[in-house]
Amino acid sequence: MVMQRKASFLGALVAFVLTGTMAQADCTRTSFRDQSFTHCEARITDDLRLFLYGSNEQVYGNFRNIDETLASEGKKLAFAMNASMYHPDRSPVGLFIQDGHELSRIVTSEGPGNFGLLPNGVFCIEAGRFTVIESRRFAAARPDCRDAVQSGPMLIIDGAYHPRFIAESSSRLIRNGVGVSGDGKRAIFVISNNPVNFFEFARFFREHLGVPQALYLDGNVSRLHAPGLRRSDWGTLLGPIVGKVVDAPAPRN
């Protein structure tokens, strides 16, 4: 009986450690050039989704509401972050496609603010690959995106920095964005843990992650949900959200 209890305890401990390791693997906190970043990775085989409106046509607004909806599927968020800029009613500023439905059209004209700092771009989830594409290039030869979101500015364009970035800029914020690997099999979502300027943020994608394309998602309201790191940022309601969906653990008896 004692041996059986020890075996059960050890089995439970191993399961706990493995589960914790898997959760931790989704997101990693990294120091780079005396600054701190957290990055989370999704592979094309993962269930990565964009979220805006639920079945009741109400904006999700936060990570908790998404998790509550996913619970009915036996799912949960492995990680999530805000996915682009939005209007006061939480509607997207530019293109937004959720589960094959285009809810907002692409904007290709220059405009005010970071979104209009051309070139901006689109993050697209296609069958078999992720892409980050400059918006006008996207509009000219539109790929078949299951989910897509437009934001701006681009951070890295074919391996080069956005031409308007200034290395010494004093404009520093908590920022978040997404980069895609050259083969399109990985999407890496990054949030700075301390205020950074555009160049410093883009440099993390280029020098540390080595991705050829990267897109700015937002700043100042940037938030991350990473249960594996025991982190879930909160604040006012968000617009579009991107998240990796996984099976929820079965309830204990």
C-alpha atoms as a PDB file:
ATOM      1  CA  MET A   1       0.000   0.000   0.000  1.00  0.00           C
ATOM      2  CA  VAL A   2       2.847   2.400   0.874  1.00  0.00           C
ATOM      3  CA  MET A   3       4.642   1.590  -2.375  1.00  0.00           C
ATOM      4  CA  GLN A   4       1.439   2.186  -4.350  1.00  0.00           C
ATOM      5  CA  ARG A   5       0.976   5.582  -2.693  1.00  0.00           C
ATOM      6  CA  LYS A   6       4.584   6.519  -3.470  1.00  0.00           C
ATOM      7  CA  ALA A   7       4.141   5.463  -7.083  1.00  0.00           C
ATOM      8  CA  SER A   8       0.926   7.469  -7.368  1.00  0.00           C
ATOM      9  CA  PHE A   9       2.595  10.500  -5.811  1.00  0.00           C
ATOM     10  CA  LEU A  10       5.614  10.254  -8.131  1.00  0.00           C
ATOM     11  CA  GLY A  11       3.342   9.825 -11.138  1.00  0.00           C
ATOM     12  CA  ALA A  12       1.354  12.904 -10.192  1.00  0.00           C
ATOM     13  CA  LEU A  13       4.568  14.853  -9.600  1.00  0.00           C
ATOM     14  CA  VAL A  14       5.958  13.912 -13.020  1.00  0.00           C
ATOM     15  CA  ALA A  15       2.676  14.862 -14.667  1.00  0.00           C
ATOM     16  CA  PHE A  16       2.704  18.211 -12.861  1.00  0.00           C
ATOM     17  CA  VAL A  17       6.303  18.934 -13.906  1.00  0.00           C
ATOM     18  CA  LEU A  18       5.643  17.977 -17.517  1.00  0.00           C
ATOM     19  CA  THR A  19       2.485  20.058 -17.646  1.00  0.00           C
ATOM     20  CA  GLY A  20       4.296  23.041 -16.162  1.00  0.00           C
ATOM     21  CA  THR A  21       7.162  22.640 -18.630  1.00  0.00           C
ATOM     22  CA  MET A  22       4.797  22.507 -21.579  1.00  0.00           C
ATOM     23  CA  ALA A  23       2.950  25.608 -20.391  1.00  0.00           C
ATOM     24  CA  GLN A  24       6.198  27.470 -19.789  1.00  0.00           C
ATOM     25  CA  ALA A  25       7.391  26.568 -23.297  1.00  0.00           C
ATOM     26  CA  ASP A  26       4.640  28.659 -24.936  1.00  0.00           C
ATOM     27  CA  CYS A  27       6.094  31.931 -23.630  1.00  0.00           C
ATOM     28  CA  THR A  28       9.597  32.921 -22.578  1.00  0.00           C
ATOM     29  CA  ARG A  29      10.943  35.999 -20.851  1.00  0.00           C
ATOM     30  CA  THR A  30      14.248  37.162 -22.357  1.00  0.00           C
ATOM     31  CA  SER A  31      16.801  39.871 -21.630  1.00  0.00           C
ATOM     32  CA  PHE A  32      18.266  41.496 -24.736  1.00  0.00           C
ATOM     33  CA  ARG A  33      20.568  44.535 -24.844  1.00  0.00           C
ATOM     34  CA  ASP A  34      19.674  45.426 -21.238  1.00  0.00           C
ATOM     35  CA  GLN A  35      15.962  45.353 -22.001  1.00  0.00           C
ATOM     36  CA  SER A  36      13.319  42.755 -21.192  1.00  0.00           C
ATOM     37  CA  PHE A  37      10.886  41.076 -23.582  1.00  0.00           C
ATOM     38  CA  THR A  38       8.406  38.221 -23.363  1.00  0.00           C
ATOM     39  CA  HIS A  39       7.793  36.233 -26.534  1.00  0.00           C
ATOM     40  CA  CYS A  40       5.256  33.486 -27.229  1.00  0.00           C
ATOM     41  CA  GLU A  41       5.393  31.110 -30.179  1.00  0.00           C
ATOM     42  CA  ALA A  42       2.690  29.441 -32.230  1.00  0.00           C
ATOM     43  CA  ARG A  43       3.392  26.836 -34.894  1.00  0.00           C
ATOM     44  CA  ILE A  44       1.245  26.406 -37.972  1.00  0.00           C
ATOM     45  CA  THR A  45      -0.001  23.097 -36.549  1.00  0.00           C
ATOM     46  CA  ASP A  46      -1.344  24.941 -33.482  1.00  0.00           C
ATOM     47  CA  ASP A  47      -4.868  26.285 -33.127  1.00  0.00           C
ATOM     48  CA  LEU A  48      -4.153  30.019 -33.415  1.00  0.00           C
ATOM     49  CA  ARG A  49      -7.210  32.250 -33.709  1.00  0.00           C
ATOM     50  CA  LEU A  50      -8.235  35.892 -33.892  1.00  0.00           C
ATOM     51  CA  PHE A  51     -11.054  36.997 -31.603  1.00  0.00           C
ATOM     52  CA  LEU A  52     -13.297  40.045 -31.691  1.00  0.00           C
ATOM     53  CA  TYR A  53     -17.005  39.199 -31.555  1.00  0.00           C
ATOM     54  CA  GLY A  54     -18.562  36.276 -29.708  1.00  0.00           C
ATOM     55  CA  SER A  55     -21.681  34.353 -30.706  1.00  0.00           C
ATOM     56  CA  ASN A  56     -23.838  37.082 -29.149  1.00  0.00           C
ATOM     57  CA  GLU A  57     -22.163  39.662 -31.444  1.00  0.00           C
ATOM     58  CA  GLN A  58     -20.649  41.354 -28.418  1.00  0.00           C
ATOM     59  CA  VAL A  59     -16.957  42.254 -28.311  1.00  0.00           C
ATOM     60  CA  TYR A  60     -15.013  39.815 -26.133  1.00  0.00           C
ATOM     61  CA  GLY A  61     -12.963  42.705 -24.750  1.00  0.00           C
ATOM     62  CA  ASN A  62     -10.693  40.667 -22.478  1.00  0.00           C
ATOM     63  CA  PHE A  63      -8.966  37.307 -22.074  1.00  0.00           C
ATOM     64  CA  ARG A  64     -11.358  36.047 -19.402  1.00  0.00           C
ATOM     65  CA  ASN A  65     -14.409  36.327 -21.672  1.00  0.00           C
ATOM     66  CA  ILE A  66     -12.619  34.330 -24.373  1.00  0.00           C
ATOM     67  CA  ASP A  67     -11.640  31.628 -21.885  1.00  0.00           C
ATOM     68  CA  GLU A  68     -15.225  31.391 -20.637  1.00  0.00           C
ATOM     69  CA  THR A  69     -16.459  30.870 -24.211  1.00  0.00           C
ATOM     70  CA  LEU A  70     -13.732  28.343 -25.000  1.00  0.00           C
ATOM     71  CA  ALA A  71     -14.623  26.351 -21.893  1.00  0.00           C
ATOM     72  CA  SER A  72     -17.796  25.183 -23.661  1.00  0.00           C
ATOM     73  CA  GLU A  73     -15.515  23.514 -26.245  1.00  0.00           C
ATOM     74  CA  GLY A  74     -13.304  21.991 -23.575  1.00  0.00           C
ATOM     75  CA  LYS A  75     -10.597  24.476 -24.584  1.00  0.00           C
ATOM     76  CA  LYS A  76      -8.635  27.366 -23.082  1.00  0.00           C
ATOM     77  CA  LEU A  77      -6.064  30.000 -24.062  1.00  0.00           C
ATOM     78  CA  ALA A  78      -2.426  28.919 -23.838  1.00  0.00           C
ATOM     79  CA  PHE A  79      -1.503  32.565 -24.442  1.00  0.00           C
ATOM     80  CA  ALA A  80      -3.083  35.663 -25.973  1.00  0.00           C
ATOM     81  CA  MET A  81      -2.435  39.369 -26.596  1.00  0.00           C
ATOM     82  CA  ASN A  82      -4.173  42.354 -28.108  1.00  0.00           C
ATOM     83  CA  ALA A  83      -3.928  42.060 -31.897  1.00  0.00           C
ATOM     84  CA  SER A  84      -4.239  45.545 -33.418  1.00  0.00           C
ATOM     85  CA  MET A  85      -5.504  49.091 -33.030  1.00  0.00           C
ATOM     86  CA  TYR A  86      -9.206  49.815 -32.674  1.00  0.00           C
ATOM     87  CA  HIS A  87     -11.840  52.547 -32.569  1.00  0.00           C
ATOM     88  CA  PRO A  88     -13.657  53.628 -29.360  1.00  0.00           C
ATOM     89  CA  ASP A  89     -16.355  51.001 -30.039  1.00  0.00           C
ATOM     90  CA  ARG A  90     -13.557  48.342 -30.181  1.00  0.00           C
ATOM     91  CA  SER A  91     -14.006  47.824 -33.937  1.00  0.00           C
ATOM     92  CA  PRO A  92     -10.742  47.350 -35.917  1.00  0.00           C
ATOM     93  CA  VAL A  93      -9.048  50.303 -37.607  1.00  0.00           C
ATOM     94  CA  GLY A  94      -8.189  48.255 -40.724  1.00  0.00           C
ATOM     95  CA  LEU A  95      -8.669  44.796 -42.182  1.00  0.00           C
ATOM     96  CA  PHE A  96     -10.025  42.159 -39.842  1.00  0.00           C
ATOM     97  CA  ILE A  97     -11.037  38.622 -40.790  1.00  0.00           C
ATOM     98  CA  GLN A  98     -12.337  36.222 -38.147  1.00  0.00           C
ATOM     99  CA  ASP A  99     -12.907  32.572 -39.089  1.00  0.00           C
ATOM    100  CA  GLY A 100     -13.285  33.404 -42.784  1.00  0.00           C
ATOM    101  CA  HIS A 101     -15.608  36.375 -42.289  1.00  0.00           C
ATOM    102  CA  GLU A 102     -14.294  39.820 -43.263  1.00  0.00           C
ATOM    103  CA  LEU A 103     -15.589  42.221 -40.619  1.00  0.00           C
ATOM    104  CA  SER A 104     -13.530  45.281 -41.597  1.00  0.00           C
ATOM    105  CA  ARG A 105     -11.917  46.296 -44.891  1.00  0.00           C
ATOM    106  CA  ILE A 106      -8.262  46.960 -45.623  1.00  0.00           C
ATOM    107  CA  VAL A 107      -6.957  50.545 -45.507  1.00  0.00           C
ATOM    108  CA  THR A 108      -4.075  51.350 -47.867  1.00  0.00           C
ATOM    109  CA  SER A 109      -3.907  55.146 -47.582  1.00  0.00           C
ATOM    110  CA  GLU A 110      -1.468  57.029 -45.372  1.00  0.00           C
ATOM    111  CA  GLY A 111      -2.989  58.501 -42.251  1.00  0.00           C
ATOM    112  CA  PRO A 112      -2.390  59.818 -38.751  1.00  0.00           C
ATOM    113  CA  GLY A 113      -0.875  57.860 -35.904  1.00  0.00           C
ATOM    114  CA  ASN A 114       1.182  54.699 -35.904  1.00  0.00           C
ATOM    115  CA  PHE A 115      -1.325  52.774 -38.030  1.00  0.00           C
ATOM    116  CA  GLY A 116      -0.938  55.253 -40.887  1.00  0.00           C
ATOM    117  CA  LEU A 117       2.872  55.327 -40.732  1.00  0.00           C
ATOM    118  CA  LEU A 118       3.362  53.518 -44.046  1.00  0.00           C
ATOM    119  CA  PRO A 119       4.340  50.891 -44.802  1.00  0.00           C
ATOM    120  CA  ASN A 120       1.936  49.070 -42.506  1.00  0.00           C
ATOM    121  CA  GLY A 121       0.939  45.446 -42.882  1.00  0.00           C
ATOM    122  CA  VAL A 122      -1.333  42.448 -42.378  1.00  0.00           C
ATOM    123  CA  PHE A 123      -0.821  39.342 -40.264  1.00  0.00           C
ATOM    124  CA  CYS A 124      -2.541  36.443 -42.034  1.00  0.00           C
ATOM    125  CA  ILE A 125      -3.266  32.856 -40.972  1.00  0.00           C
ATOM    126  CA  GLU A 126      -3.490  30.753 -44.114  1.00  0.00           C
ATOM    127  CA  ALA A 127      -3.819  27.007 -44.629  1.00  0.00           C
ATOM    128  CA  GLY A 128      -0.294  25.786 -43.997  1.00  0.00           C
ATOM    129  CA  ARG A 129       1.499  29.045 -43.214  1.00  0.00           C
ATOM    130  CA  PHE A 130       1.587  32.347 -41.383  1.00  0.00           C
ATOM    131  CA  THR A 131       2.429  35.544 -43.270  1.00  0.00           C
ATOM    132  CA  VAL A 132       3.109  39.195 -42.524  1.00  0.00           C
ATOM    133  CA  ILE A 133       2.595  41.202 -45.711  1.00  0.00           C
ATOM    134  CA  GLU A 134       2.830  44.930 -46.462  1.00  0.00           C
ATOM    135  CA  SER A 135      -0.750  46.211 -46.848  1.00  0.00           C
ATOM    136  CA  ARG A 136      -0.575  47.446 -50.448  1.00  0.00           C
ATOM    137  CA  ARG A 137       1.138  44.244 -51.523  1.00  0.00           C
ATOM    138  CA  PHE A 138      -1.597  42.315 -49.733  1.00  0.00           C
ATOM    139  CA  ALA A 139      -4.351  44.285 -51.493  1.00  0.00           C
ATOM    140  CA  ALA A 140      -2.745  43.718 -54.917  1.00  0.00           C
ATOM    141  CA  ALA A 141      -2.405  39.946 -54.527  1.00  0.00           C
ATOM    142  CA  ARG A 142      -4.670  38.911 -51.703  1.00  0.00           C
ATOM    143  CA  PRO A 143      -3.952  35.552 -50.064  1.00  0.00           C
ATOM    144  CA  ASP A 144      -6.682  33.273 -48.742  1.00  0.00           C
ATOM    145  CA  CYS A 145      -6.636  34.117 -45.024  1.00  0.00           C
ATOM    146  CA  ARG A 146      -8.791  32.223 -42.549  1.00  0.00           C
ATOM    147  CA  ASP A 147      -7.990  34.952 -40.006  1.00  0.00           C
ATOM    148  CA  ALA A 148      -6.217  38.248 -40.655  1.00  0.00           C
ATOM    149  CA  VAL A 149      -5.586  41.568 -38.964  1.00  0.00           C
ATOM    150  CA  GLN A 150      -4.070  44.818 -40.222  1.00  0.00           C
ATOM    151  CA  SER A 151      -1.905  47.071 -38.091  1.00  0.00           C
ATOM    152  CA  GLY A 152       1.085  49.334 -38.412  1.00  0.00           C
ATOM    153  CA  PRO A 153       3.715  50.235 -38.868  1.00  0.00           C
ATOM    154  CA  MET A 154       5.688  47.305 -40.206  1.00  0.00           C
ATOM    155  CA  LEU A 155       8.701  46.676 -37.964  1.00  0.00           C
ATOM    156  CA  ILE A 156      10.802  44.497 -40.277  1.00  0.00           C
ATOM    157  CA  ILE A 157      10.295  44.420 -44.050  1.00  0.00           C
ATOM    158  CA  ASP A 158      12.199  41.720 -45.944  1.00  0.00           C
ATOM    159  CA  GLY A 159      14.873  41.778 -43.236  1.00  0.00           C
ATOM    160  CA  ALA A 160      15.201  45.604 -43.146  1.00  0.00           C
ATOM    161  CA  TYR A 161      13.987  48.097 -40.552  1.00  0.00           C
ATOM    162  CA  HIS A 162      11.060  50.407 -41.292  1.00  0.00           C
ATOM    163  CA  PRO A 163      12.674  53.459 -42.969  1.00  0.00           C
ATOM    164  CA  ARG A 164      11.113  55.969 -40.554  1.00  0.00           C
ATOM    165  CA  PHE A 165      12.525  54.495 -37.330  1.00  0.00           C
ATOM    166  CA  ILE A 166      15.041  56.548 -35.327  1.00  0.00           C
ATOM    167  CA  ALA A 167      17.483  54.613 -33.159  1.00  0.00           C
ATOM    168  CA  GLU A 168      17.731  57.411 -30.559  1.00  0.00           C
ATOM    169  CA  SER A 169      14.010  58.233 -30.393  1.00  0.00           C
ATOM    170  CA  SER A 170      12.833  59.207 -26.909  1.00  0.00           C
ATOM    171  CA  SER A 171       9.280  57.925 -27.598  1.00  0.00           C
ATOM    172  CA  ARG A 172       9.192  54.802 -25.440  1.00  0.00           C
ATOM    173  CA  LEU A 173       6.171  52.664 -24.570  1.00  0.00           C
ATOM    174  CA  ILE A 174       5.305  49.111 -23.635  1.00  0.00           C
ATOM    175  CA  ARG A 175       4.818  47.676 -27.139  1.00  0.00           C
ATOM    176  CA  ASN A 176       3.668  44.417 -28.707  1.00  0.00           C
ATOM    177  CA  GLY A 177       3.966  42.894 -32.163  1.00  0.00           C
ATOM    178  CA  VAL A 178       4.267  39.728 -34.241  1.00  0.00           C
ATOM    179  CA  GLY A 179       6.997  38.286 -36.429  1.00  0.00           C
ATOM    180  CA  VAL A 180       6.872  35.337 -38.823  1.00  0.00           C
ATOM    181  CA  SER A 181       9.681  32.905 -39.624  1.00  0.00           C
ATOM    182  CA  GLY A 182      11.025  32.692 -43.167  1.00  0.00           C
ATOM    183  CA  ASP A 183       9.276  29.371 -43.830  1.00  0.00           C
ATOM    184  CA  GLY A 184       5.963  30.660 -42.460  1.00  0.00           C
ATOM    185  CA  LYS A 185       5.703  27.819 -39.972  1.00  0.00           C
ATOM    186  CA  ARG A 186       6.135  29.927 -36.814  1.00  0.00           C
ATOM    187  CA  ALA A 187       4.529  33.133 -35.561  1.00  0.00           C
ATOM    188  CA  ILE A 188       6.289  34.813 -32.639  1.00  0.00           C
ATOM    189  CA  PHE A 189       4.335  37.304 -30.532  1.00  0.00           C
ATOM    190  CA  VAL A 190       6.388  39.753 -28.475  1.00  0.00           C
ATOM    191  CA  ILE A 191       5.645  42.263 -25.734  1.00  0.00           C
ATOM    192  CA  SER A 192       8.273  44.502 -24.171  1.00  0.00           C
ATOM    193  CA  ASN A 193       8.410  44.373 -20.397  1.00  0.00           C
ATOM    194  CA  ASN A 194       9.824  47.891 -20.214  1.00  0.00           C
ATOM    195  CA  PRO A 195       9.211  50.954 -22.404  1.00  0.00           C
ATOM    196  CA  VAL A 196      11.088  50.789 -25.738  1.00  0.00           C
ATOM    197  CA  ASN A 197      11.121  52.883 -28.899  1.00  0.00           C
ATOM    198  CA  PHE A 198      10.224  51.507 -32.327  1.00  0.00           C
ATOM    199  CA  PHE A 199      13.822  50.825 -33.336  1.00  0.00           C
ATOM    200  CA  GLU A 200      14.630  48.987 -30.119  1.00  0.00           C
ATOM    201  CA  PHE A 201      11.491  46.897 -30.464  1.00  0.00           C
ATOM    202  CA  ALA A 202      12.177  46.065 -34.117  1.00  0.00           C
ATOM    203  CA  ARG A 203      15.785  45.213 -33.283  1.00  0.00           C
ATOM    204  CA  PHE A 204      14.615  42.402 -30.985  1.00  0.00           C
ATOM    205  CA  PHE A 205      12.744  40.815 -33.906  1.00  0.00           C
ATOM    206  CA  ARG A 206      15.650  41.208 -36.319  1.00  0.00           C
ATOM    207  CA  GLU A 207      18.683  40.478 -34.149  1.00  0.00           C
ATOM    208  CA  HIS A 208      17.330  38.129 -31.487  1.00  0.00           C
ATOM    209  CA  LEU A 209      14.494  36.297 -33.259  1.00  0.00           C
ATOM    210  CA  GLY A 210      15.923  36.566 -36.781  1.00  0.00           C
ATOM    211  CA  VAL A 211      12.547  36.919 -38.509  1.00  0.00           C
ATOM    212  CA  PRO A 212      12.399  38.576 -41.969  1.00  0.00           C
ATOM    213  CA  GLN A 213       8.938  40.144 -41.458  1.00  0.00           C
ATOM    214  CA  ALA A 214       7.452  41.699 -38.345  1.00  0.00           C
ATOM    215  CA  LEU A 215       4.430  43.884 -37.629  1.00  0.00           C
ATOM    216  CA  TYR A 216       3.669  46.300 -34.806  1.00  0.00           C
ATOM    217  CA  LEU A 217       0.370  45.557 -33.090  1.00  0.00           C
ATOM    218  CA  ASP A 218       0.024  48.314 -30.488  1.00  0.00           C
ATOM    219  CA  GLY A 219       1.610  50.255 -27.671  1.00  0.00           C
ATOM    220  CA  ASN A 220       0.563  51.700 -24.343  1.00  0.00           C
ATOM    221  CA  VAL A 221      -2.460  49.351 -24.126  1.00  0.00           C
ATOM    222  CA  SER A 222      -0.309  46.288 -24.917  1.00  0.00           C
ATOM    223  CA  ARG A 223      -1.303  43.277 -22.820  1.00  0.00           C
ATOM    224  CA  LEU A 224      -0.345  39.622 -22.512  1.00  0.00           C
ATOM    225  CA  HIS A 225      -2.168  36.594 -21.158  1.00  0.00           C
ATOM    226  CA  ALA A 226       0.341  33.844 -20.381  1.00  0.00           C
ATOM    227  CA  PRO A 227      -0.919  31.415 -17.738  1.00  0.00           C
ATOM    228  CA  GLY A 228       2.313  29.404 -17.972  1.00  0.00           C
ATOM    229  CA  LEU A 229       4.152  32.476 -16.689  1.00  0.00           C
ATOM    230  CA  ARG A 230       1.388  33.255 -14.182  1.00  0.00           C
ATOM    231  CA  ARG A 231       0.691  36.480 -16.019  1.00  0.00           C
ATOM    232  CA  SER A 232      -2.576  37.958 -17.255  1.00  0.00           C
ATOM    233  CA  ASP A 233      -2.548  41.719 -17.818  1.00  0.00           C
ATOM    234  CA  TRP A 234      -5.783  43.605 -17.282  1.00  0.00           C
ATOM    235  CA  GLY A 235      -7.241  47.032 -17.993  1.00  0.00           C
ATOM    236  CA  THR A 236      -9.918  48.653 -20.152  1.00  0.00           C
ATOM    237  CA  LEU A 237     -11.688  46.551 -22.780  1.00  0.00           C
ATOM    238  CA  LEU A 238      -9.664  45.555 -25.844  1.00  0.00           C
ATOM    239  CA  GLY A 239     -10.577  45.248 -29.513  1.00  0.00           C
ATOM    240  CA  PRO A 240      -9.091  42.395 -31.599  1.00  0.00           C
ATOM    241  CA  ILE A 241      -7.226  39.693 -29.673  1.00  0.00           C
ATOM    242  CA  VAL A 242      -5.004  36.874 -30.972  1.00  0.00           C
ATOM    243  CA  GLY A 243      -4.609  33.667 -29.001  1.00  0.00           C
ATOM    244  CA  LYS A 244      -3.364  30.093 -29.124  1.00  0.00           C
ATOM    245  CA  VAL A 245      -6.116  27.639 -28.150  1.00  0.00           C
ATOM    246  CA  VAL A 246      -5.393  24.316 -26.439  1.00  0.00           C
ATOM    247  CA  ASP A 247      -7.357  21.549 -24.721  1.00  0.00           C
ATOM    248  CA  ALA A 248      -8.362  22.378 -21.177  1.00  0.00           C
ATOM    249  CA  PRO A 249      -7.392  19.796 -18.519  1.00  0.00           C
ATOM    250  CA  ALA A 250     -10.168  17.431 -17.548  1.00  0.00           C
ATOM    251  CA  PRO A 251     -11.871  18.392 -14.253  1.00  0.00           C
ATOM    252  CA  ARG A 252     -10.740  16.433 -11.214  1.00  0.00           C
ATOM    253  CA  ASN A 253     -13.169  14.003  -9.606  1.00  0.00           C
END
